[in-house]
PDB file of N, CA and C in Angstrom:
ATOM      1  N   MET A   1      16.320  -5.842  -6.317  1.00  0.00           N
ATOM      2  CA  MET A   1      15.352  -4.770  -6.154  1.00  0.00           C
ATOM      3  C   MET A   1      15.164  -4.141  -7.558  1.00  0.00           C
ATOM      4  N   ILE A   2      13.913  -3.893  -7.937  1.00  0.00           N
ATOM      5  CA  ILE A   2      13.543  -3.316  -9.203  1.00  0.00           C
ATOM      6  C   ILE A   2      13.104  -1.842  -8.971  1.00  0.00           C
ATOM      7  N   LEU A   3      13.966  -0.902  -9.235  1.00  0.00           N
ATOM      8  CA  LEU A   3      13.534   0.491  -9.050  1.00  0.00           C
ATOM      9  C   LEU A   3      13.006   0.960 -10.357  1.00  0.00           C
ATOM     10  N   LYS A   4      11.888   1.638 -10.246  1.00  0.00           N
ATOM     11  CA  LYS A   4      11.215   2.191 -11.405  1.00  0.00           C
ATOM     12  C   LYS A   4      10.988   3.674 -11.230  1.00  0.00           C
ATOM     13  N   ASP A   5      11.359   4.475 -12.249  1.00  0.00           N
ATOM     14  CA  ASP A   5      11.145   5.918 -12.209  1.00  0.00           C
ATOM     15  C   ASP A   5       9.808   6.219 -12.753  1.00  0.00           C
ATOM     16  N   PHE A   6       9.083   7.087 -12.083  1.00  0.00           N
ATOM     17  CA  PHE A   6       7.759   7.514 -12.506  1.00  0.00           C
ATOM     18  C   PHE A   6       7.843   9.049 -12.721  1.00  0.00           C
ATOM     19  N   PRO A   7       7.045   9.602 -13.601  1.00  0.00           N
ATOM     20  CA  PRO A   7       7.037  10.998 -13.817  1.00  0.00           C
ATOM     21  C   PRO A   7       6.772  11.740 -12.478  1.00  0.00           C
ATOM     22  N   ALA A   8       7.451  12.870 -12.237  1.00  0.00           N
ATOM     23  CA  ALA A   8       7.193  13.595 -11.014  1.00  0.00           C
ATOM     24  C   ALA A   8       5.737  13.872 -10.834  1.00  0.00           C
ATOM     25  N   GLY A   9       5.235  13.759  -9.610  1.00  0.00           N
ATOM     26  CA  GLY A   9       3.819  13.989  -9.361  1.00  0.00           C
ATOM     27  C   GLY A   9       2.907  12.832  -9.567  1.00  0.00           C
ATOM     28  N   THR A  10       3.453  11.640  -9.926  1.00  0.00           N
ATOM     29  CA  THR A  10       2.614  10.441 -10.088  1.00  0.00           C
ATOM     30  C   THR A  10       1.875  10.126  -8.756  1.00  0.00           C
ATOM     31  N   LEU A  11       0.576   9.937  -8.872  1.00  0.00           N
ATOM     32  CA  LEU A  11      -0.162   9.558  -7.688  1.00  0.00           C
ATOM     33  C   LEU A  11      -0.346   8.036  -7.569  1.00  0.00           C
ATOM     34  N   VAL A  12      -0.168   7.543  -6.381  1.00  0.00           N
ATOM     35  CA  VAL A  12      -0.440   6.116  -6.018  1.00  0.00           C
ATOM     36  C   VAL A  12      -1.347   6.137  -4.834  1.00  0.00           C
ATOM     37  N   TYR A  13      -1.957   4.972  -4.526  1.00  0.00           N
ATOM     38  CA  TYR A  13      -2.986   4.881  -3.525  1.00  0.00           C
ATOM     39  C   TYR A  13      -2.833   3.761  -2.577  1.00  0.00           C
ATOM     40  N   ARG A  14      -3.369   3.917  -1.388  1.00  0.00           N
ATOM     41  CA  ARG A  14      -3.320   2.849  -0.384  1.00  0.00           C
ATOM     42  C   ARG A  14      -4.581   2.978   0.486  1.00  0.00           C
ATOM     43  N   ALA A  15      -5.251   1.896   0.783  1.00  0.00           N
ATOM     44  CA  ALA A  15      -6.398   1.906   1.719  1.00  0.00           C
ATOM     45  C   ALA A  15      -5.854   1.334   3.056  1.00  0.00           C
ATOM     46  N   HIS A  16      -6.117   2.090   4.115  1.00  0.00           N
ATOM     47  CA  HIS A  16      -5.591   1.791   5.451  1.00  0.00           C
ATOM     48  C   HIS A  16      -6.757   1.397   6.349  1.00  0.00           C
ATOM     49  N   THR A  17      -6.509   0.428   7.237  1.00  0.00           N
ATOM     50  CA  THR A  17      -7.494   0.180   8.302  1.00  0.00           C
ATOM     51  C   THR A  17      -7.512   1.415   9.189  1.00  0.00           C
ATOM     52  N   PRO A  18      -8.596   1.589   9.915  1.00  0.00           N
ATOM     53  CA  PRO A  18      -8.684   2.739  10.828  1.00  0.00           C
ATOM     54  C   PRO A  18      -7.522   2.765  11.843  1.00  0.00           C
ATOM     55  N   GLU A  19      -7.059   1.551  12.258  1.00  0.00           N
ATOM     56  CA  GLU A  19      -5.931   1.497  13.209  1.00  0.00           C
ATOM     57  C   GLU A  19      -4.692   2.180  12.717  1.00  0.00           C
ATOM     58  N   TRP A  20      -4.405   2.108  11.388  1.00  0.00           N
ATOM     59  CA  TRP A  20      -3.186   2.634  10.844  1.00  0.00           C
ATOM     60  C   TRP A  20      -3.351   3.966  10.100  1.00  0.00           C
ATOM     61  N   ALA A  21      -4.611   4.450  10.043  1.00  0.00           N
ATOM     62  CA  ALA A  21      -4.902   5.739   9.299  1.00  0.00           C
ATOM     63  C   ALA A  21      -4.050   6.912   9.834  1.00  0.00           C
ATOM     64  N   THR A  22      -3.718   6.881  11.127  1.00  0.00           N
ATOM     65  CA  THR A  22      -2.960   8.024  11.685  1.00  0.00           C
ATOM     66  C   THR A  22      -1.444   7.899  11.368  1.00  0.00           C
ATOM     67  N   ARG A  23      -1.063   6.801  10.812  1.00  0.00           N
ATOM     68  CA  ARG A  23       0.417   6.589  10.426  1.00  0.00           C
ATOM     69  C   ARG A  23       0.450   6.063   9.000  1.00  0.00           C
ATOM     70  N   PRO A  24      -0.063   6.838   8.066  1.00  0.00           N
ATOM     71  CA  PRO A  24      -0.219   6.352   6.650  1.00  0.00           C
ATOM     72  C   PRO A  24       1.107   6.006   5.908  1.00  0.00           C
ATOM     73  N   THR A  25       2.273   6.415   6.390  1.00  0.00           N
ATOM     74  CA  THR A  25       3.499   6.093   5.684  1.00  0.00           C
ATOM     75  C   THR A  25       4.407   5.164   6.475  1.00  0.00           C
ATOM     76  N   SER A  26       3.860   4.594   7.587  1.00  0.00           N
ATOM     77  CA  SER A  26       4.772   3.794   8.449  1.00  0.00           C
ATOM     78  C   SER A  26       5.099   2.426   7.905  1.00  0.00           C
ATOM     79  N   GLY A  27       4.140   1.694   7.357  1.00  0.00           N
ATOM     80  CA  GLY A  27       4.371   0.337   6.918  1.00  0.00           C
ATOM     81  C   GLY A  27       4.404  -0.606   8.115  1.00  0.00           C
ATOM     82  N   ALA A  28       4.110  -0.135   9.309  1.00  0.00           N
ATOM     83  CA  ALA A  28       4.176  -0.927  10.525  1.00  0.00           C
ATOM     84  C   ALA A  28       3.184  -2.056  10.585  1.00  0.00           C
ATOM     85  N   GLY A  29       2.021  -1.831   9.998  1.00  0.00           N
ATOM     86  CA  GLY A  29       1.018  -2.885   9.937  1.00  0.00           C
ATOM     87  C   GLY A  29       1.528  -4.125   9.201  1.00  0.00           C
ATOM     88  N   ALA A  30       2.163  -3.906   8.095  1.00  0.00           N
ATOM     89  CA  ALA A  30       2.702  -5.028   7.281  1.00  0.00           C
ATOM     90  C   ALA A  30       3.788  -5.780   8.104  1.00  0.00           C
ATOM     91  N   ALA A  31       4.479  -5.069   8.957  1.00  0.00           N
ATOM     92  CA  ALA A  31       5.595  -5.665   9.710  1.00  0.00           C
ATOM     93  C   ALA A  31       5.115  -6.632  10.832  1.00  0.00           C
ATOM     94  N   LEU A  32       3.851  -6.485  11.207  1.00  0.00           N
ATOM     95  CA  LEU A  32       3.368  -7.322  12.307  1.00  0.00           C
ATOM     96  C   LEU A  32       3.393  -8.800  11.972  1.00  0.00           C
ATOM     97  N   LYS A  33       2.909  -9.179  10.776  1.00  0.00           N
ATOM     98  CA  LYS A  33       2.847 -10.562  10.386  1.00  0.00           C
ATOM     99  C   LYS A  33       3.607 -10.863   9.112  1.00  0.00           C
ATOM    100  N   GLY A  34       4.143  -9.813   8.465  1.00  0.00           N
ATOM    101  CA  GLY A  34       4.761  -9.954   7.176  1.00  0.00           C
ATOM    102  C   GLY A  34       3.735  -9.939   6.067  1.00  0.00           C
ATOM    103  N   GLY A  35       4.155  -9.883   4.855  1.00  0.00           N
ATOM    104  CA  GLY A  35       3.238  -9.737   3.734  1.00  0.00           C
ATOM    105  C   GLY A  35       3.783 -10.644   2.580  1.00  0.00           C
ATOM    106  N   ARG A  36       3.238 -10.344   1.413  1.00  0.00           N
ATOM    107  CA  ARG A  36       3.719 -11.024   0.205  1.00  0.00           C
ATOM    108  C   ARG A  36       5.189 -10.780  -0.059  1.00  0.00           C
ATOM    109  N   PHE A  37       5.660  -9.565   0.194  1.00  0.00           N
ATOM    110  CA  PHE A  37       7.006  -9.228  -0.202  1.00  0.00           C
ATOM    111  C   PHE A  37       7.855  -8.711   0.916  1.00  0.00           C
ATOM    112  N   ASN A  38       7.390  -8.765   2.157  1.00  0.00           N
ATOM    113  CA  ASN A  38       8.173  -8.374   3.315  1.00  0.00           C
ATOM    114  C   ASN A  38       8.071  -9.423   4.392  1.00  0.00           C
ATOM    115  N   ARG A  39       9.149  -9.567   5.110  1.00  0.00           N
ATOM    116  CA  ARG A  39       9.199 -10.562   6.225  1.00  0.00           C
ATOM    117  C   ARG A  39       8.619  -9.898   7.444  1.00  0.00           C
ATOM    118  N   GLU A  40       8.272 -10.693   8.402  1.00  0.00           N
ATOM    119  CA  GLU A  40       7.823 -10.194   9.712  1.00  0.00           C
ATOM    120  C   GLU A  40       8.887  -9.225  10.298  1.00  0.00           C
ATOM    121  N   ARG A  41       8.434  -8.173  10.901  1.00  0.00           N
ATOM    122  CA  ARG A  41       9.287  -7.115  11.522  1.00  0.00           C
ATOM    123  C   ARG A  41       9.937  -6.191  10.464  1.00  0.00           C
ATOM    124  N   VAL A  42       9.598  -6.403   9.177  1.00  0.00           N
ATOM    125  CA  VAL A  42      10.098  -5.484   8.137  1.00  0.00           C
ATOM    126  C   VAL A  42       8.995  -4.643   7.562  1.00  0.00           C
ATOM    127  N   GLU A  43       9.058  -3.336   7.803  1.00  0.00           N
ATOM    128  CA  GLU A  43       7.998  -2.456   7.409  1.00  0.00           C
ATOM    129  C   GLU A  43       7.969  -2.380   5.899  1.00  0.00           C
ATOM    130  N   ALA A  44       6.739  -2.302   5.341  1.00  0.00           N
ATOM    131  CA  ALA A  44       6.556  -2.222   3.903  1.00  0.00           C
ATOM    132  C   ALA A  44       5.275  -1.434   3.613  1.00  0.00           C
ATOM    133  N   LEU A  45       5.251  -0.625   2.652  1.00  0.00           N
ATOM    134  CA  LEU A  45       4.065   0.153   2.253  1.00  0.00           C
ATOM    135  C   LEU A  45       3.662  -0.283   0.862  1.00  0.00           C
ATOM    136  N   TYR A  46       2.564  -1.036   0.788  1.00  0.00           N
ATOM    137  CA  TYR A  46       2.075  -1.548  -0.459  1.00  0.00           C
ATOM    138  C   TYR A  46       1.162  -0.464  -1.108  1.00  0.00           C
ATOM    139  N   LEU A  47       1.484  -0.110  -2.343  1.00  0.00           N
ATOM    140  CA  LEU A  47       0.709   0.987  -3.038  1.00  0.00           C
ATOM    141  C   LEU A  47       0.123   0.485  -4.330  1.00  0.00           C
ATOM    142  N   ALA A  48      -0.917   1.191  -4.820  1.00  0.00           N
ATOM    143  CA  ALA A  48      -1.549   0.785  -6.130  1.00  0.00           C
ATOM    144  C   ALA A  48      -1.575   2.002  -7.002  1.00  0.00           C
ATOM    145  N   LEU A  49      -1.619   1.748  -8.299  1.00  0.00           N
ATOM    146  CA  LEU A  49      -1.609   2.855  -9.276  1.00  0.00           C
ATOM    147  C   LEU A  49      -2.987   3.483  -9.463  1.00  0.00           C
ATOM    148  N   ASP A  50      -4.065   2.833  -8.896  1.00  0.00           N
ATOM    149  CA  ASP A  50      -5.371   3.509  -8.980  1.00  0.00           C
ATOM    150  C   ASP A  50      -6.175   3.128  -7.736  1.00  0.00           C
ATOM    151  N   GLU A  51      -7.253   3.907  -7.447  1.00  0.00           N
ATOM    152  CA  GLU A  51      -8.017   3.727  -6.230  1.00  0.00           C
ATOM    153  C   GLU A  51      -8.703   2.393  -6.169  1.00  0.00           C
ATOM    154  N   VAL A  52      -9.250   1.942  -7.282  1.00  0.00           N
ATOM    155  CA  VAL A  52      -9.988   0.642  -7.274  1.00  0.00           C
ATOM    156  C   VAL A  52      -9.066  -0.528  -6.906  1.00  0.00           C
ATOM    157  N   THR A  53      -7.874  -0.536  -7.423  1.00  0.00           N
ATOM    158  CA  THR A  53      -6.899  -1.575  -7.043  1.00  0.00           C
ATOM    159  C   THR A  53      -6.557  -1.552  -5.573  1.00  0.00           C
ATOM    160  N   ALA A  54      -6.361  -0.319  -5.059  1.00  0.00           N
ATOM    161  CA  ALA A  54      -6.070  -0.190  -3.650  1.00  0.00           C
ATOM    162  C   ALA A  54      -7.241  -0.685  -2.768  1.00  0.00           C
ATOM    163  N   LEU A  55      -8.460  -0.438  -3.165  1.00  0.00           N
ATOM    164  CA  LEU A  55      -9.606  -0.908  -2.423  1.00  0.00           C
ATOM    165  C   LEU A  55      -9.795  -2.427  -2.533  1.00  0.00           C
ATOM    166  N   ARG A  56      -9.560  -2.972  -3.726  1.00  0.00           N
ATOM    167  CA  ARG A  56      -9.655  -4.416  -3.916  1.00  0.00           C
ATOM    168  C   ARG A  56      -8.573  -5.145  -3.118  1.00  0.00           C
ATOM    169  N   GLU A  57      -7.362  -4.633  -3.081  1.00  0.00           N
ATOM    170  CA  GLU A  57      -6.286  -5.201  -2.322  1.00  0.00           C
ATOM    171  C   GLU A  57      -6.629  -5.194  -0.842  1.00  0.00           C
ATOM    172  N   TYR A  58      -7.224  -4.075  -0.426  1.00  0.00           N
ATOM    173  CA  TYR A  58      -7.629  -4.021   1.009  1.00  0.00           C
ATOM    174  C   TYR A  58      -8.812  -5.007   1.318  1.00  0.00           C
ATOM    175  N   GLN A  59      -9.740  -5.125   0.411  1.00  0.00           N
ATOM    176  CA  GLN A  59     -10.873  -5.950   0.599  1.00  0.00           C
ATOM    177  C   GLN A  59     -10.523  -7.441   0.590  1.00  0.00           C
ATOM    178  N   GLN A  60      -9.627  -7.819  -0.241  1.00  0.00           N
ATOM    179  CA  GLN A  60      -9.124  -9.193  -0.401  1.00  0.00           C
ATOM    180  C   GLN A  60     -10.301 -10.103  -0.641  1.00  0.00           C
ATOM    181  N   THR A  61     -10.530 -11.095   0.177  1.00  0.00           N
ATOM    182  CA  THR A  61     -11.545 -12.115  -0.126  1.00  0.00           C
ATOM    183  C   THR A  61     -12.878 -11.842   0.571  1.00  0.00           C
ATOM    184  N   SER A  62     -12.964 -10.797   1.297  1.00  0.00           N
ATOM    185  CA  SER A  62     -14.241 -10.430   1.992  1.00  0.00           C
ATOM    186  C   SER A  62     -15.297 -10.045   0.986  1.00  0.00           C
ATOM    187  N   PRO A  63     -16.509 -10.442   1.120  1.00  0.00           N
ATOM    188  CA  PRO A  63     -17.571 -10.013   0.234  1.00  0.00           C
ATOM    189  C   PRO A  63     -17.950  -8.520   0.491  1.00  0.00           C
ATOM    190  N   PHE A  64     -17.577  -7.999   1.658  1.00  0.00           N
ATOM    191  CA  PHE A  64     -17.869  -6.626   2.013  1.00  0.00           C
ATOM    192  C   PHE A  64     -16.576  -5.793   2.119  1.00  0.00           C
ATOM    193  N   LEU A  65     -16.670  -4.519   1.930  1.00  0.00           N
ATOM    194  CA  LEU A  65     -15.501  -3.633   2.041  1.00  0.00           C
ATOM    195  C   LEU A  65     -15.485  -3.126   3.532  1.00  0.00           C
ATOM    196  N   PRO A  66     -14.545  -3.586   4.322  1.00  0.00           N
ATOM    197  CA  PRO A  66     -14.439  -3.097   5.709  1.00  0.00           C
ATOM    198  C   PRO A  66     -14.147  -1.595   5.726  1.00  0.00           C
ATOM    199  N   PRO A  67     -14.400  -0.866   6.799  1.00  0.00           N
ATOM    200  CA  PRO A  67     -14.057   0.539   6.887  1.00  0.00           C
ATOM    201  C   PRO A  67     -12.608   0.769   6.636  1.00  0.00           C
ATOM    202  N   CYS A  68     -12.308   1.854   5.930  1.00  0.00           N
ATOM    203  CA  CYS A  68     -10.918   2.167   5.616  1.00  0.00           C
ATOM    204  C   CYS A  68     -10.777   3.677   5.281  1.00  0.00           C
ATOM    205  N   THR A  69      -9.525   4.106   5.251  1.00  0.00           N
ATOM    206  CA  THR A  69      -9.182   5.430   4.852  1.00  0.00           C
ATOM    207  C   THR A  69      -8.325   5.254   3.592  1.00  0.00           C
ATOM    208  N   ILE A  70      -8.713   5.861   2.518  1.00  0.00           N
ATOM    209  CA  ILE A  70      -7.894   5.772   1.315  1.00  0.00           C
ATOM    210  C   ILE A  70      -6.982   7.027   1.222  1.00  0.00           C
ATOM    211  N   CYS A  71      -5.724   6.796   1.016  1.00  0.00           N
ATOM    212  CA  CYS A  71      -4.741   7.909   0.922  1.00  0.00           C
ATOM    213  C   CYS A  71      -4.147   7.880  -0.437  1.00  0.00           C
ATOM    214  N   SER A  72      -3.726   9.107  -0.894  1.00  0.00           N
ATOM    215  CA  SER A  72      -2.962   9.187  -2.112  1.00  0.00           C
ATOM    216  C   SER A  72      -1.563   9.667  -1.771  1.00  0.00           C
ATOM    217  N   TYR A  73      -0.599   9.200  -2.482  1.00  0.00           N
ATOM    218  CA  TYR A  73       0.822   9.552  -2.270  1.00  0.00           C
ATOM    219  C   TYR A  73       1.362  10.027  -3.604  1.00  0.00           C
ATOM    220  N   THR A  74       2.297  10.937  -3.549  1.00  0.00           N
ATOM    221  CA  THR A  74       3.008  11.441  -4.713  1.00  0.00           C
ATOM    222  C   THR A  74       4.411  10.840  -4.671  1.00  0.00           C
ATOM    223  N   LEU A  75       4.871  10.284  -5.787  1.00  0.00           N
ATOM    224  CA  LEU A  75       6.195   9.625  -5.719  1.00  0.00           C
ATOM    225  C   LEU A  75       6.972   9.923  -7.043  1.00  0.00           C
ATOM    226  N   GLU A  76       8.221   9.532  -6.966  1.00  0.00           N
ATOM    227  CA  GLU A  76       9.081   9.601  -8.113  1.00  0.00           C
ATOM    228  C   GLU A  76       9.696   8.289  -8.443  1.00  0.00           C
ATOM    229  N   ASN A  77      10.009   7.495  -7.462  1.00  0.00           N
ATOM    230  CA  ASN A  77      10.515   6.151  -7.725  1.00  0.00           C
ATOM    231  C   ASN A  77      10.143   5.184  -6.645  1.00  0.00           C
ATOM    232  N   LEU A  78      10.167   3.924  -6.935  1.00  0.00           N
ATOM    233  CA  LEU A  78       9.785   2.907  -5.906  1.00  0.00           C
ATOM    234  C   LEU A  78      10.239   1.564  -6.452  1.00  0.00           C
ATOM    235  N   VAL A  79      10.063   0.544  -5.623  1.00  0.00           N
ATOM    236  CA  VAL A  79      10.336  -0.827  -6.020  1.00  0.00           C
ATOM    237  C   VAL A  79       9.088  -1.335  -6.728  1.00  0.00           C
ATOM    238  N   ASP A  80       9.195  -1.730  -7.957  1.00  0.00           N
ATOM    239  CA  ASP A  80       8.053  -2.170  -8.766  1.00  0.00           C
ATOM    240  C   ASP A  80       7.949  -3.679  -8.715  1.00  0.00           C
ATOM    241  N   LEU A  81       6.935  -4.223  -8.061  1.00  0.00           N
ATOM    242  CA  LEU A  81       6.775  -5.690  -7.877  1.00  0.00           C
ATOM    243  C   LEU A  81       5.701  -6.258  -8.793  1.00  0.00           C
ATOM    244  N   ARG A  82       5.340  -5.590  -9.873  1.00  0.00           N
ATOM    245  CA  ARG A  82       4.259  -6.090 -10.708  1.00  0.00           C
ATOM    246  C   ARG A  82       4.671  -7.305 -11.496  1.00  0.00           C
ATOM    247  N   ARG A  83       5.907  -7.525 -11.752  1.00  0.00           N
ATOM    248  CA  ARG A  83       6.361  -8.632 -12.565  1.00  0.00           C
ATOM    249  C   ARG A  83       7.029  -9.698 -11.767  1.00  0.00           C
TER     250      ARG A  83
END
């Protein structure tokens, strides 16, 4: 696990499907099928350092941006998976 400290008050972003917009910190959606860094049944919250990256991650390969709710989170440390 790679823990990275960020300055207090650092904002990160996540775009949620309408289904999970009411539970923006749960990570339950990622647990349904698993993701790039979590196995099935393991909750994970994937975050981005800017809004555009969060939206592109959400959009993935679709030519259109599906409906979503973008949330901002304040953090101090997290697991950094950029490398």
